[in-house]
């Protein structure tokens, strides 16, 4: 059984995945050809306003899900580790499996 502290940490961790915009940003970063994207490219790719993307990237960075590197005058964002892709894929697998059972 998980401890109270672990339950709190997991709750905060999964909260990050509860926002559709953050999930779209994660997906955009997972599919980036160079492995990373700058805010402008993410905004264009998702057709979202740059301030919205910047705010959500800050949340993802603070949660340790994305990392930032400087590229000249731009900051490039990338997924912090392979676990993030696994978590997204497991979630999708669960959704598709659940939908099969309901048909």
Protein backbone atom coordinates (compact mmCIF):
# COMPACT_ATOMS: atom_id res chain seq x y z
CA UNK A 1 0.00 0.00 0.00
CA UNK A 2 1.24 3.50 -0.76
CA UNK A 3 1.97 5.94 1.99
CA UNK A 4 0.12 9.21 2.56
CA UNK A 5 3.12 11.11 1.20
CA UNK A 6 3.28 8.92 -1.92
CA UNK A 7 -0.47 9.39 -2.47
CA UNK A 8 -0.04 13.16 -2.28
CA UNK A 9 2.93 13.13 -4.65
CA UNK A 10 1.12 10.89 -7.15
CA UNK A 11 -1.98 13.06 -6.95
CA UNK A 12 0.06 16.16 -7.85
CA UNK A 13 1.87 14.23 -10.58
CA UNK A 14 -1.34 13.01 -12.24
CA UNK A 15 -2.91 16.44 -11.87
CA UNK A 16 -0.40 17.68 -14.45
CA UNK A 17 -1.88 15.24 -16.97
CA UNK A 18 -5.44 16.45 -16.30
CA UNK A 19 -5.22 19.48 -18.59
CA UNK A 20 -5.87 18.94 -22.34
CA UNK A 21 -3.54 21.79 -23.33
CA UNK A 22 -0.67 20.29 -21.35
CA UNK A 23 -1.35 16.90 -22.95
CA UNK A 24 -1.26 18.49 -26.42
CA UNK A 25 2.05 20.18 -25.59
CA UNK A 26 3.50 16.89 -24.35
CA UNK A 27 2.35 15.23 -27.57
CA UNK A 28 3.87 18.02 -29.67
CA UNK A 29 7.19 17.56 -27.90
CA UNK A 30 7.06 13.77 -28.22
CA UNK A 31 6.59 14.09 -31.99
CA UNK A 32 9.18 16.82 -32.56
CA UNK A 33 11.62 15.75 -35.26
CA UNK A 34 14.58 17.41 -33.54
CA UNK A 35 13.43 16.12 -30.15
CA UNK A 36 12.61 19.64 -28.98
CA UNK A 37 10.66 22.72 -29.99
CA UNK A 38 10.68 26.41 -29.09
CA UNK A 39 7.55 28.12 -27.75
CA UNK A 40 6.78 29.74 -31.10
CA UNK A 41 6.86 26.42 -32.94
CA UNK A 42 4.70 24.73 -30.31
CA UNK A 43 2.22 27.62 -30.54
CA UNK A 44 2.08 27.37 -34.33
CA UNK A 45 1.87 23.58 -34.32
CA UNK A 46 -1.04 23.55 -31.87
CA UNK A 47 -2.62 26.83 -33.04
CA UNK A 48 -2.54 28.18 -29.50
CA UNK A 49 -1.52 31.62 -28.29
CA UNK A 50 2.09 31.86 -27.15
CA UNK A 51 1.26 33.09 -23.59
CA UNK A 52 -0.97 30.03 -23.09
CA UNK A 53 1.78 27.69 -24.24
CA UNK A 54 4.40 29.48 -22.12
CA UNK A 55 2.27 29.22 -19.00
CA UNK A 56 1.65 25.51 -19.49
CA UNK A 57 5.32 24.85 -20.30
CA UNK A 58 6.27 26.47 -17.00
CA UNK A 59 3.94 24.08 -15.17
CA UNK A 60 5.38 21.10 -17.07
CA UNK A 61 8.93 22.28 -16.36
CA UNK A 62 8.24 22.82 -12.65
CA UNK A 63 6.79 19.29 -12.49
CA UNK A 64 9.94 17.87 -14.09
CA UNK A 65 8.17 16.65 -17.22
CA UNK A 66 10.01 18.91 -19.66
CA UNK A 67 13.53 20.28 -19.76
CA UNK A 68 14.72 23.54 -21.26
CA UNK A 69 17.88 24.35 -23.18
CA UNK A 70 19.00 27.66 -24.61
CA UNK A 71 19.58 27.83 -28.37
CA UNK A 72 20.89 31.31 -29.14
CA UNK A 73 18.09 33.70 -28.27
CA UNK A 74 15.47 30.91 -28.07
CA UNK A 75 14.61 28.37 -25.40
CA UNK A 76 13.92 24.87 -26.62
CA UNK A 77 11.67 22.50 -24.70
CA UNK A 78 11.92 18.72 -24.72
CA UNK A 79 10.45 15.82 -22.79
CA UNK A 80 12.54 15.23 -19.68
CA UNK A 81 12.68 11.42 -19.89
CA UNK A 82 11.22 8.36 -21.62
CA UNK A 83 8.80 7.65 -18.79
CA UNK A 84 6.54 10.45 -20.01
CA UNK A 85 5.97 8.76 -23.38
CA UNK A 86 5.27 5.48 -21.56
CA UNK A 87 2.71 7.13 -19.28
CA UNK A 88 0.88 8.67 -22.26
CA UNK A 89 0.91 5.38 -24.16
CA UNK A 90 -0.35 3.38 -21.16
CA UNK A 91 -3.16 5.90 -20.70
CA UNK A 92 -4.14 5.63 -24.38
CA UNK A 93 -3.98 1.82 -24.24
CA UNK A 94 -6.29 1.86 -21.24
CA UNK A 95 -8.77 4.17 -22.96
CA UNK A 96 -8.86 2.08 -26.13
CA UNK A 97 -9.17 -1.17 -24.18
CA UNK A 98 -12.00 0.26 -22.09
CA UNK A 99 -13.81 1.44 -25.22
CA UNK A 100 -13.54 -2.05 -26.79
CA UNK A 101 -15.18 -3.58 -23.71
CA UNK A 102 -18.09 -1.12 -23.84
CA UNK A 103 -19.00 -1.94 -27.47
